[in-house]
């Protein structure tokens, strides 16, 4: 895996402020890769960044990750969706908002 791309994805994730989320696709648009690659990078290298701020397009996590994400969301004031499987969309950042935070 390209180290520069890994660094770029992690840097984009670090731009997401506390209390906000972005989808894998949005992170990928800003970083220059696809959402599946964002997921792979976060699964292998994301322990040092706020991985819980990156969700599926529906704002969801698989159950094994959801249990780890919810305490972070609670601490940051990210609301749980009515379905209980992810976060509420009101905190979601779009690519334009995320790019505006990118100073690189």
PDB file of N, CA and C in Angstrom:
ATOM      1  N   UNK A   1       0.843  -1.172   0.000  1.00  0.00           N
ATOM      2  CA  UNK A   1       0.000   0.000   0.000  1.00  0.00           C
ATOM      3  C   UNK A   1       0.892   1.241   0.000  1.00  0.00           C
ATOM      4  N   UNK A   2       0.522   2.235  -0.765  1.00  0.00           N
ATOM      5  CA  UNK A   2       1.299   3.461  -0.906  1.00  0.00           C
ATOM      6  C   UNK A   2       1.305   4.250   0.412  1.00  0.00           C
ATOM      7  N   UNK A   3       2.496   4.461   0.959  1.00  0.00           N
ATOM      8  CA  UNK A   3       2.621   5.155   2.248  1.00  0.00           C
ATOM      9  C   UNK A   3       2.092   6.586   2.180  1.00  0.00           C
ATOM     10  N   UNK A   4       2.283   7.238   1.036  1.00  0.00           N
ATOM     11  CA  UNK A   4       1.777   8.606   0.887  1.00  0.00           C
ATOM     12  C   UNK A   4       0.265   8.663   0.962  1.00  0.00           C
ATOM     13  N   UNK A   5      -0.392   7.689   0.349  1.00  0.00           N
ATOM     14  CA  UNK A   5      -1.852   7.648   0.398  1.00  0.00           C
ATOM     15  C   UNK A   5      -2.338   7.335   1.804  1.00  0.00           C
ATOM     16  N   UNK A   6      -1.665   6.428   2.477  1.00  0.00           N
ATOM     17  CA  UNK A   6      -2.020   6.122   3.868  1.00  0.00           C
ATOM     18  C   UNK A   6      -1.943   7.403   4.698  1.00  0.00           C
ATOM     19  N   UNK A   7      -0.843   8.124   4.561  1.00  0.00           N
ATOM     20  CA  UNK A   7      -0.686   9.369   5.317  1.00  0.00           C
ATOM     21  C   UNK A   7      -1.765  10.382   4.964  1.00  0.00           C
ATOM     22  N   UNK A   8      -2.123  10.447   3.683  1.00  0.00           N
ATOM     23  CA  UNK A   8      -3.140  11.407   3.244  1.00  0.00           C
ATOM     24  C   UNK A   8      -4.507  11.052   3.836  1.00  0.00           C
ATOM     25  N   UNK A   9      -4.893   9.796   3.781  1.00  0.00           N
ATOM     26  CA  UNK A   9      -6.182   9.377   4.353  1.00  0.00           C
ATOM     27  C   UNK A   9      -6.214   9.684   5.846  1.00  0.00           C
ATOM     28  N   UNK A  10      -5.157   9.329   6.557  1.00  0.00           N
ATOM     29  CA  UNK A  10      -5.121   9.588   8.001  1.00  0.00           C
ATOM     30  C   UNK A  10      -5.178  11.082   8.294  1.00  0.00           C
ATOM     31  N   UNK A  11      -4.522  11.897   7.456  1.00  0.00           N
ATOM     32  CA  UNK A  11      -4.556  13.351   7.641  1.00  0.00           C
ATOM     33  C   UNK A  11      -5.967  13.899   7.421  1.00  0.00           C
ATOM     34  N   UNK A  12      -6.674  13.367   6.428  1.00  0.00           N
ATOM     35  CA  UNK A  12      -8.052  13.811   6.182  1.00  0.00           C
ATOM     36  C   UNK A  12      -8.944  13.428   7.360  1.00  0.00           C
ATOM     37  N   UNK A  13      -8.779  12.220   7.874  1.00  0.00           N
ATOM     38  CA  UNK A  13      -9.578  11.802   9.041  1.00  0.00           C
ATOM     39  C   UNK A  13      -9.312  12.741  10.217  1.00  0.00           C
ATOM     40  N   UNK A  14      -8.084  13.157  10.391  1.00  0.00           N
ATOM     41  CA  UNK A  14      -7.754  14.062  11.491  1.00  0.00           C
ATOM     42  C   UNK A  14      -8.400  15.435  11.335  1.00  0.00           C
ATOM     43  N   UNK A  15      -8.830  15.789  10.118  1.00  0.00           N
ATOM     44  CA  UNK A  15      -9.504  17.066   9.893  1.00  0.00           C
ATOM     45  C   UNK A  15     -10.932  17.084  10.428  1.00  0.00           C
ATOM     46  N   UNK A  16     -11.539  15.921  10.582  1.00  0.00           N
ATOM     47  CA  UNK A  16     -12.932  15.849  11.030  1.00  0.00           C
ATOM     48  C   UNK A  16     -12.976  16.283  12.495  1.00  0.00           C
ATOM     49  N   UNK A  17     -13.668  17.384  12.782  1.00  0.00           N
ATOM     50  CA  UNK A  17     -13.660  17.877  14.160  1.00  0.00           C
ATOM     51  C   UNK A  17     -14.485  16.993  15.106  1.00  0.00           C
ATOM     52  N   UNK A  18     -14.170  17.060  16.389  1.00  0.00           N
ATOM     53  CA  UNK A  18     -14.974  16.335  17.373  1.00  0.00           C
ATOM     54  C   UNK A  18     -16.446  16.720  17.232  1.00  0.00           C
ATOM     55  N   UNK A  19     -17.299  15.719  17.362  1.00  0.00           N
ATOM     56  CA  UNK A  19     -18.727  15.957  17.257  1.00  0.00           C
ATOM     57  C   UNK A  19     -19.269  15.892  15.842  1.00  0.00           C
ATOM     58  N   UNK A  20     -18.405  15.627  14.868  1.00  0.00           N
ATOM     59  CA  UNK A  20     -18.819  15.533  13.466  1.00  0.00           C
ATOM     60  C   UNK A  20     -18.367  14.190  12.909  1.00  0.00           C
ATOM     61  N   UNK A  21     -18.965  13.778  11.796  1.00  0.00           N
ATOM     62  CA  UNK A  21     -18.591  12.545  11.113  1.00  0.00           C
ATOM     63  C   UNK A  21     -18.480  12.808   9.623  1.00  0.00           C
ATOM     64  N   UNK A  22     -17.866  11.868   8.918  1.00  0.00           N
ATOM     65  CA  UNK A  22     -17.799  11.882   7.451  1.00  0.00           C
ATOM     66  C   UNK A  22     -17.853  10.433   6.994  1.00  0.00           C
ATOM     67  N   UNK A  23     -18.367  10.214   5.815  1.00  0.00           N
ATOM     68  CA  UNK A  23     -18.436   8.854   5.287  1.00  0.00           C
ATOM     69  C   UNK A  23     -17.088   8.449   4.694  1.00  0.00           C
ATOM     70  N   UNK A  24     -16.912   7.140   4.534  1.00  0.00           N
ATOM     71  CA  UNK A  24     -15.711   6.637   3.880  1.00  0.00           C
ATOM     72  C   UNK A  24     -15.570   7.266   2.503  1.00  0.00           C
ATOM     73  N   UNK A  25     -16.678   7.424   1.795  1.00  0.00           N
ATOM     74  CA  UNK A  25     -16.653   8.017   0.456  1.00  0.00           C
ATOM     75  C   UNK A  25     -16.215   9.461   0.476  1.00  0.00           C
ATOM     76  N   UNK A  26     -16.685  10.223   1.452  1.00  0.00           N
ATOM     77  CA  UNK A  26     -16.289  11.623   1.566  1.00  0.00           C
ATOM     78  C   UNK A  26     -14.800  11.740   1.870  1.00  0.00           C
ATOM     79  N   UNK A  27     -14.315  10.938   2.803  1.00  0.00           N
ATOM     80  CA  UNK A  27     -12.877  10.943   3.110  1.00  0.00           C
ATOM     81  C   UNK A  27     -12.091  10.575   1.856  1.00  0.00           C
ATOM     82  N   UNK A  28     -12.569   9.565   1.132  1.00  0.00           N
ATOM     83  CA  UNK A  28     -11.898   9.150  -0.095  1.00  0.00           C
ATOM     84  C   UNK A  28     -11.876  10.234  -1.154  1.00  0.00           C
ATOM     85  N   UNK A  29     -12.979  10.981  -1.315  1.00  0.00           N
ATOM     86  CA  UNK A  29     -13.005  12.075  -2.292  1.00  0.00           C
ATOM     87  C   UNK A  29     -11.948  13.121  -1.980  1.00  0.00           C
ATOM     88  N   UNK A  30     -11.806  13.447  -0.719  1.00  0.00           N
ATOM     89  CA  UNK A  30     -10.835  14.462  -0.315  1.00  0.00           C
ATOM     90  C   UNK A  30      -9.410  13.917  -0.404  1.00  0.00           C
ATOM     91  N   UNK A  31      -9.218  12.644  -0.050  1.00  0.00           N
ATOM     92  CA  UNK A  31      -7.875  12.042  -0.039  1.00  0.00           C
ATOM     93  C   UNK A  31      -7.441  11.550  -1.413  1.00  0.00           C
ATOM     94  N   UNK A  32      -8.398  11.338  -2.320  1.00  0.00           N
ATOM     95  CA  UNK A  32      -8.054  10.887  -3.659  1.00  0.00           C
ATOM     96  C   UNK A  32      -8.054   9.379  -3.835  1.00  0.00           C
ATOM     97  N   UNK A  33      -8.993   8.698  -3.173  1.00  0.00           N
ATOM     98  CA  UNK A  33      -9.100   7.243  -3.327  1.00  0.00           C
ATOM     99  C   UNK A  33     -10.545   6.832  -3.092  1.00  0.00           C
ATOM    100  N   UNK A  34     -10.825   5.558  -3.222  1.00  0.00           N
ATOM    101  CA  UNK A  34     -12.180   5.060  -3.030  1.00  0.00           C
ATOM    102  C   UNK A  34     -12.491   4.741  -1.583  1.00  0.00           C
ATOM    103  N   UNK A  35     -13.784   4.599  -1.271  1.00  0.00           N
ATOM    104  CA  UNK A  35     -14.190   4.350   0.112  1.00  0.00           C
ATOM    105  C   UNK A  35     -13.687   3.027   0.672  1.00  0.00           C
ATOM    106  N   UNK A  36     -13.603   2.000  -0.155  1.00  0.00           N
ATOM    107  CA  UNK A  36     -13.108   0.709   0.357  1.00  0.00           C
ATOM    108  C   UNK A  36     -11.645   0.801   0.773  1.00  0.00           C
ATOM    109  N   UNK A  37     -10.876   1.579   0.024  1.00  0.00           N
ATOM    110  CA  UNK A  37      -9.471   1.762   0.393  1.00  0.00           C
ATOM    111  C   UNK A  37      -9.360   2.563   1.686  1.00  0.00           C
ATOM    112  N   UNK A  38     -10.231   3.541   1.866  1.00  0.00           N
ATOM    113  CA  UNK A  38     -10.258   4.281   3.140  1.00  0.00           C
ATOM    114  C   UNK A  38     -10.504   3.311   4.292  1.00  0.00           C
ATOM    115  N   UNK A  39     -11.476   2.420   4.125  1.00  0.00           N
ATOM    116  CA  UNK A  39     -11.762   1.433   5.166  1.00  0.00           C
ATOM    117  C   UNK A  39     -10.594   0.522   5.444  1.00  0.00           C
ATOM    118  N   UNK A  40      -9.933   0.076   4.381  1.00  0.00           N
ATOM    119  CA  UNK A  40      -8.773  -0.807   4.557  1.00  0.00           C
ATOM    120  C   UNK A  40      -7.645  -0.078   5.289  1.00  0.00           C
ATOM    121  N   UNK A  41      -7.401   1.167   4.889  1.00  0.00           N
ATOM    122  CA  UNK A  41      -6.344   1.955   5.546  1.00  0.00           C
ATOM    123  C   UNK A  41      -6.669   2.161   7.026  1.00  0.00           C
ATOM    124  N   UNK A  42      -7.909   2.503   7.323  1.00  0.00           N
ATOM    125  CA  UNK A  42      -8.277   2.712   8.728  1.00  0.00           C
ATOM    126  C   UNK A  42      -8.190   1.420   9.529  1.00  0.00           C
ATOM    127  N   UNK A  43      -8.541   0.298   8.913  1.00  0.00           N
ATOM    128  CA  UNK A  43      -8.470  -0.962   9.661  1.00  0.00           C
ATOM    129  C   UNK A  43      -7.036  -1.348   9.977  1.00  0.00           C
ATOM    130  N   UNK A  44      -6.110  -0.970   9.130  1.00  0.00           N
ATOM    131  CA  UNK A  44      -4.702  -1.338   9.340  1.00  0.00           C
ATOM    132  C   UNK A  44      -3.876  -0.271  10.040  1.00  0.00           C
ATOM    133  N   UNK A  45      -4.240   1.001   9.841  1.00  0.00           N
ATOM    134  CA  UNK A  45      -3.385   2.097  10.326  1.00  0.00           C
ATOM    135  C   UNK A  45      -4.135   3.149  11.135  1.00  0.00           C
ATOM    136  N   UNK A  46      -5.409   2.947  11.400  1.00  0.00           N
ATOM    137  CA  UNK A  46      -6.239   4.001  11.967  1.00  0.00           C
ATOM    138  C   UNK A  46      -6.301   4.110  13.469  1.00  0.00           C
ATOM    139  N   UNK A  47      -5.554   3.301  14.194  1.00  0.00           N
ATOM    140  CA  UNK A  47      -5.636   3.356  15.659  1.00  0.00           C
ATOM    141  C   UNK A  47      -5.228   4.707  16.227  1.00  0.00           C
ATOM    142  N   UNK A  48      -4.393   5.448  15.534  1.00  0.00           N
ATOM    143  CA  UNK A  48      -3.913   6.726  16.045  1.00  0.00           C
ATOM    144  C   UNK A  48      -4.758   7.926  15.661  1.00  0.00           C
ATOM    145  N   UNK A  49      -5.847   7.701  14.916  1.00  0.00           N
ATOM    146  CA  UNK A  49      -6.738   8.793  14.523  1.00  0.00           C
ATOM    147  C   UNK A  49      -8.158   8.486  14.998  1.00  0.00           C
ATOM    148  N   UNK A  50      -9.035   9.446  14.865  1.00  0.00           N
ATOM    149  CA  UNK A  50     -10.415   9.291  15.328  1.00  0.00           C
ATOM    150  C   UNK A  50     -11.239   8.500  14.307  1.00  0.00           C
ATOM    151  N   UNK A  51     -10.966   7.215  14.187  1.00  0.00           N
ATOM    152  CA  UNK A  51     -11.612   6.338  13.212  1.00  0.00           C
ATOM    153  C   UNK A  51     -13.123   6.304  13.388  1.00  0.00           C
ATOM    154  N   UNK A  52     -13.612   6.536  14.611  1.00  0.00           N
ATOM    155  CA  UNK A  52     -15.045   6.479  14.893  1.00  0.00           C
ATOM    156  C   UNK A  52     -15.809   7.616  14.219  1.00  0.00           C
ATOM    157  N   UNK A  53     -15.123   8.606  13.691  1.00  0.00           N
ATOM    158  CA  UNK A  53     -15.774   9.703  12.986  1.00  0.00           C
ATOM    159  C   UNK A  53     -16.000   9.381  11.507  1.00  0.00           C
ATOM    160  N   UNK A  54     -15.560   8.210  11.058  1.00  0.00           N
ATOM    161  CA  UNK A  54     -15.721   7.800   9.660  1.00  0.00           C
ATOM    162  C   UNK A  54     -16.689   6.619   9.615  1.00  0.00           C
ATOM    163  N   UNK A  55     -17.803   6.804   8.922  1.00  0.00           N
ATOM    164  CA  UNK A  55     -18.869   5.810   8.899  1.00  0.00           C
ATOM    165  C   UNK A  55     -19.224   5.420   7.468  1.00  0.00           C
ATOM    166  N   UNK A  56     -20.110   4.463   7.351  1.00  0.00           N
ATOM    167  CA  UNK A  56     -20.662   4.127   6.036  1.00  0.00           C
ATOM    168  C   UNK A  56     -21.495   5.308   5.542  1.00  0.00           C
ATOM    169  N   UNK A  57     -21.932   5.246   4.302  1.00  0.00           N
ATOM    170  CA  UNK A  57     -22.770   6.311   3.747  1.00  0.00           C
ATOM    171  C   UNK A  57     -24.063   6.478   4.543  1.00  0.00           C
ATOM    172  N   UNK A  58     -24.518   5.407   5.168  1.00  0.00           N
ATOM    173  CA  UNK A  58     -25.732   5.461   5.986  1.00  0.00           C
ATOM    174  C   UNK A  58     -25.439   5.880   7.425  1.00  0.00           C
ATOM    175  N   UNK A  59     -24.170   6.141   7.748  1.00  0.00           N
ATOM    176  CA  UNK A  59     -23.800   6.527   9.104  1.00  0.00           C
ATOM    177  C   UNK A  59     -23.638   5.349  10.037  1.00  0.00           C
ATOM    178  N   UNK A  60     -23.498   4.153   9.472  1.00  0.00           N
ATOM    179  CA  UNK A  60     -23.483   2.942  10.287  1.00  0.00           C
ATOM    180  C   UNK A  60     -22.105   2.303  10.383  1.00  0.00           C
ATOM    181  N   UNK A  61     -21.983   1.428  11.381  1.00  0.00           N
ATOM    182  CA  UNK A  61     -20.814   0.592  11.604  1.00  0.00           C
ATOM    183  C   UNK A  61     -21.283  -0.852  11.715  1.00  0.00           C
ATOM    184  N   UNK A  62     -20.399  -1.805  11.432  1.00  0.00           N
ATOM    185  CA  UNK A  62     -20.748  -3.189  11.767  1.00  0.00           C
ATOM    186  C   UNK A  62     -20.866  -3.303  13.294  1.00  0.00           C
ATOM    187  N   UNK A  63     -21.666  -4.239  13.786  1.00  0.00           N
ATOM    188  CA  UNK A  63     -21.891  -4.338  15.242  1.00  0.00           C
ATOM    189  C   UNK A  63     -20.606  -4.413  16.070  1.00  0.00           C
ATOM    190  N   UNK A  64     -19.587  -5.106  15.587  1.00  0.00           N
ATOM    191  CA  UNK A  64     -18.357  -5.213  16.382  1.00  0.00           C
ATOM    192  C   UNK A  64     -17.640  -3.873  16.513  1.00  0.00           C
ATOM    193  N   UNK A  65     -17.752  -2.991  15.537  1.00  0.00           N
ATOM    194  CA  UNK A  65     -17.149  -1.658  15.640  1.00  0.00           C
ATOM    195  C   UNK A  65     -18.089  -0.663  16.312  1.00  0.00           C
ATOM    196  N   UNK A  66     -19.382  -0.848  16.134  1.00  0.00           N
ATOM    197  CA  UNK A  66     -20.354   0.065  16.725  1.00  0.00           C
ATOM    198  C   UNK A  66     -20.194   0.123  18.237  1.00  0.00           C
ATOM    199  N   UNK A  67     -20.010  -1.020  18.857  1.00  0.00           N
ATOM    200  CA  UNK A  67     -19.850  -1.065  20.310  1.00  0.00           C
ATOM    201  C   UNK A  67     -18.625  -0.264  20.756  1.00  0.00           C
ATOM    202  N   UNK A  68     -17.578  -0.236  19.922  1.00  0.00           N
ATOM    203  CA  UNK A  68     -16.381   0.548  20.263  1.00  0.00           C
ATOM    204  C   UNK A  68     -16.554   2.025  19.930  1.00  0.00           C
ATOM    205  N   UNK A  69     -17.393   2.347  18.939  1.00  0.00           N
ATOM    206  CA  UNK A  69     -17.565   3.740  18.510  1.00  0.00           C
ATOM    207  C   UNK A  69     -18.496   4.534  19.429  1.00  0.00           C
ATOM    208  N   UNK A  70     -19.546   3.898  19.922  1.00  0.00           N
ATOM    209  CA  UNK A  70     -20.572   4.610  20.688  1.00  0.00           C
ATOM    210  C   UNK A  70     -20.007   5.372  21.891  1.00  0.00           C
ATOM    211  N   UNK A  71     -19.092   4.822  22.670  1.00  0.00           N
ATOM    212  CA  UNK A  71     -18.546   5.624  23.784  1.00  0.00           C
ATOM    213  C   UNK A  71     -17.843   6.901  23.300  1.00  0.00           C
ATOM    214  N   UNK A  72     -17.163   6.822  22.166  1.00  0.00           N
ATOM    215  CA  UNK A  72     -16.524   8.015  21.598  1.00  0.00           C
ATOM    216  C   UNK A  72     -17.586   9.025  21.169  1.00  0.00           C
ATOM    217  N   UNK A  73     -18.651   8.525  20.513  1.00  0.00           N
ATOM    218  CA  UNK A  73     -19.733   9.414  20.086  1.00  0.00           C
ATOM    219  C   UNK A  73     -20.373  10.084  21.286  1.00  0.00           C
ATOM    220  N   UNK A  74     -20.617   9.314  22.336  1.00  0.00           N
ATOM    221  CA  UNK A  74     -21.211   9.885  23.552  1.00  0.00           C
ATOM    222  C   UNK A  74     -20.330  11.004  24.102  1.00  0.00           C
ATOM    223  N   UNK A  75     -19.035  10.760  24.144  1.00  0.00           N
ATOM    224  CA  UNK A  75     -18.098  11.750  24.686  1.00  0.00           C
ATOM    225  C   UNK A  75     -18.056  13.016  23.826  1.00  0.00           C
ATOM    226  N   UNK A  76     -18.292  12.877  22.516  1.00  0.00           N
ATOM    227  CA  UNK A  76     -18.217  14.018  21.596  1.00  0.00           C
ATOM    228  C   UNK A  76     -19.582  14.627  21.296  1.00  0.00           C
ATOM    229  N   UNK A  77     -20.645  14.039  21.827  1.00  0.00           N
ATOM    230  CA  UNK A  77     -21.976  14.567  21.570  1.00  0.00           C
ATOM    231  C   UNK A  77     -22.533  14.192  20.207  1.00  0.00           C
ATOM    232  N   UNK A  78     -22.047  13.099  19.632  1.00  0.00           N
ATOM    233  CA  UNK A  78     -22.576  12.608  18.360  1.00  0.00           C
ATOM    234  C   UNK A  78     -23.781  11.732  18.674  1.00  0.00           C
ATOM    235  N   UNK A  79     -24.934  12.108  18.143  1.00  0.00           N
ATOM    236  CA  UNK A  79     -26.178  11.411  18.457  1.00  0.00           C
ATOM    237  C   UNK A  79     -26.261  10.064  17.753  1.00  0.00           C
ATOM    238  N   UNK A  80     -26.780   9.094  18.446  1.00  0.00           N
ATOM    239  CA  UNK A  80     -27.039   7.780  17.878  1.00  0.00           C
ATOM    240  C   UNK A  80     -28.316   7.861  17.042  1.00  0.00           C
ATOM    241  N   UNK A  81     -28.285   7.247  15.875  1.00  0.00           N
ATOM    242  CA  UNK A  81     -29.464   7.222  15.005  1.00  0.00           C
ATOM    243  C   UNK A  81     -30.589   6.434  15.664  1.00  0.00           C
ATOM    244  N   UNK A  82     -31.809   6.715  15.242  1.00  0.00           N
ATOM    245  CA  UNK A  82     -32.975   6.027  15.799  1.00  0.00           C
ATOM    246  C   UNK A  82     -32.881   4.515  15.612  1.00  0.00           C
ATOM    247  N   UNK A  83     -32.205   4.075  14.541  1.00  0.00           N
ATOM    248  CA  UNK A  83     -32.054   2.639  14.280  1.00  0.00           C
ATOM    249  C   UNK A  83     -31.157   1.961  15.312  1.00  0.00           C
ATOM    250  N   UNK A  84     -30.297   2.758  15.967  1.00  0.00           N
ATOM    251  CA  UNK A  84     -29.349   2.202  16.925  1.00  0.00           C
ATOM    252  C   UNK A  84     -28.138   1.566  16.280  1.00  0.00           C
ATOM    253  N   UNK A  85     -28.030   1.629  14.943  1.00  0.00           N
ATOM    254  CA  UNK A  85     -26.914   0.983  14.238  1.00  0.00           C
ATOM    255  C   UNK A  85     -25.848   1.966  13.784  1.00  0.00           C
ATOM    256  N   UNK A  86     -26.029   3.232  14.079  1.00  0.00           N
ATOM    257  CA  UNK A  86     -25.057   4.217  13.627  1.00  0.00           C
ATOM    258  C   UNK A  86     -25.353   5.572  14.216  1.00  0.00           C
ATOM    259  N   UNK A  87     -24.713   6.579  13.654  1.00  0.00           N
ATOM    260  CA  UNK A  87     -24.881   7.928  14.181  1.00  0.00           C
ATOM    261  C   UNK A  87     -25.900   8.695  13.349  1.00  0.00           C
ATOM    262  N   UNK A  88     -26.458   9.722  13.946  1.00  0.00           N
ATOM    263  CA  UNK A  88     -27.426  10.568  13.260  1.00  0.00           C
ATOM    264  C   UNK A  88     -26.731  11.366  12.157  1.00  0.00           C
ATOM    265  N   UNK A  89     -27.402  11.570  11.064  1.00  0.00           N
ATOM    266  CA  UNK A  89     -26.811  12.231   9.911  1.00  0.00           C
ATOM    267  C   UNK A  89     -26.580  13.726  10.127  1.00  0.00           C
ATOM    268  N   UNK A  90     -27.150  14.323  11.135  1.00  0.00           N
ATOM    269  CA  UNK A  90     -27.029  15.770  11.306  1.00  0.00           C
ATOM    270  C   UNK A  90     -25.590  16.209  11.558  1.00  0.00           C
ATOM    271  N   UNK A  91     -24.758  15.317  12.032  1.00  0.00           N
ATOM    272  CA  UNK A  91     -23.368  15.663  12.295  1.00  0.00           C
ATOM    273  C   UNK A  91     -22.456  15.394  11.087  1.00  0.00           C
ATOM    274  N   UNK A  92     -23.017  14.928   9.985  1.00  0.00           N
ATOM    275  CA  UNK A  92     -22.231  14.502   8.821  1.00  0.00           C
ATOM    276  C   UNK A  92     -21.645  15.690   8.061  1.00  0.00           C
ATOM    277  N   UNK A  93     -20.375  15.613   7.718  1.00  0.00           N
ATOM    278  CA  UNK A  93     -19.702  16.626   6.903  1.00  0.00           C
ATOM    279  C   UNK A  93     -19.703  16.169   5.446  1.00  0.00           C
ATOM    280  N   UNK A  94     -19.898  17.105   4.524  1.00  0.00           N
ATOM    281  CA  UNK A  94     -19.770  16.764   3.114  1.00  0.00           C
ATOM    282  C   UNK A  94     -18.338  17.067   2.651  1.00  0.00           C
ATOM    283  N   UNK A  95     -18.030  16.676   1.430  1.00  0.00           N
ATOM    284  CA  UNK A  95     -16.657  16.832   0.924  1.00  0.00           C
ATOM    285  C   UNK A  95     -16.233  18.293   0.891  1.00  0.00           C
ATOM    286  N   UNK A  96     -17.130  19.191   0.546  1.00  0.00           N
ATOM    287  CA  UNK A  96     -16.786  20.610   0.499  1.00  0.00           C
ATOM    288  C   UNK A  96     -16.380  21.145   1.860  1.00  0.00           C
ATOM    289  N   UNK A  97     -17.131  20.779   2.883  1.00  0.00           N
ATOM    290  CA  UNK A  97     -16.811  21.231   4.243  1.00  0.00           C
ATOM    291  C   UNK A  97     -15.481  20.647   4.710  1.00  0.00           C
ATOM    292  N   UNK A  98     -15.239  19.387   4.355  1.00  0.00           N
ATOM    293  CA  UNK A  98     -13.988  18.744   4.767  1.00  0.00           C
ATOM    294  C   UNK A  98     -12.806  19.349   4.014  1.00  0.00           C
ATOM    295  N   UNK A  99     -12.990  19.590   2.725  1.00  0.00           N
ATOM    296  CA  UNK A  99     -11.911  20.230   1.940  1.00  0.00           C
ATOM    297  C   UNK A  99     -11.587  21.625   2.477  1.00  0.00           C
ATOM    298  N   UNK A 100     -12.583  22.341   2.953  1.00  0.00           N
ATOM    299  CA  UNK A 100     -12.355  23.680   3.483  1.00  0.00           C
ATOM    300  C   UNK A 100     -11.434  23.659   4.695  1.00  0.00           C
ATOM    301  N   UNK A 101     -11.399  22.549   5.423  1.00  0.00           N
ATOM    302  CA  UNK A 101     -10.515  22.419   6.581  1.00  0.00           C
ATOM    303  C   UNK A 101      -9.116  21.982   6.196  1.00  0.00           C
ATOM    304  N   UNK A 102      -8.947  21.500   4.965  1.00  0.00           N
ATOM    305  CA  UNK A 102      -7.664  20.956   4.502  1.00  0.00           C
ATOM    306  C   UNK A 102      -6.727  22.080   4.112  1.00  0.00           C
ATOM    307  N   UNK A 103      -5.663  22.213   4.837  1.00  0.00           N
ATOM    308  CA  UNK A 103      -4.681  23.277   4.582  1.00  0.00           C
ATOM    309  C   UNK A 103      -3.441  22.778   3.847  1.00  0.00           C
ATOM    310  N   UNK A 104      -3.434  21.502   3.426  1.00  0.00           N
ATOM    311  CA  UNK A 104      -2.236  20.966   2.769  1.00  0.00           C
ATOM    312  C   UNK A 104      -2.141  21.355   1.308  1.00  0.00           C
TER     313      UNK A 104
END
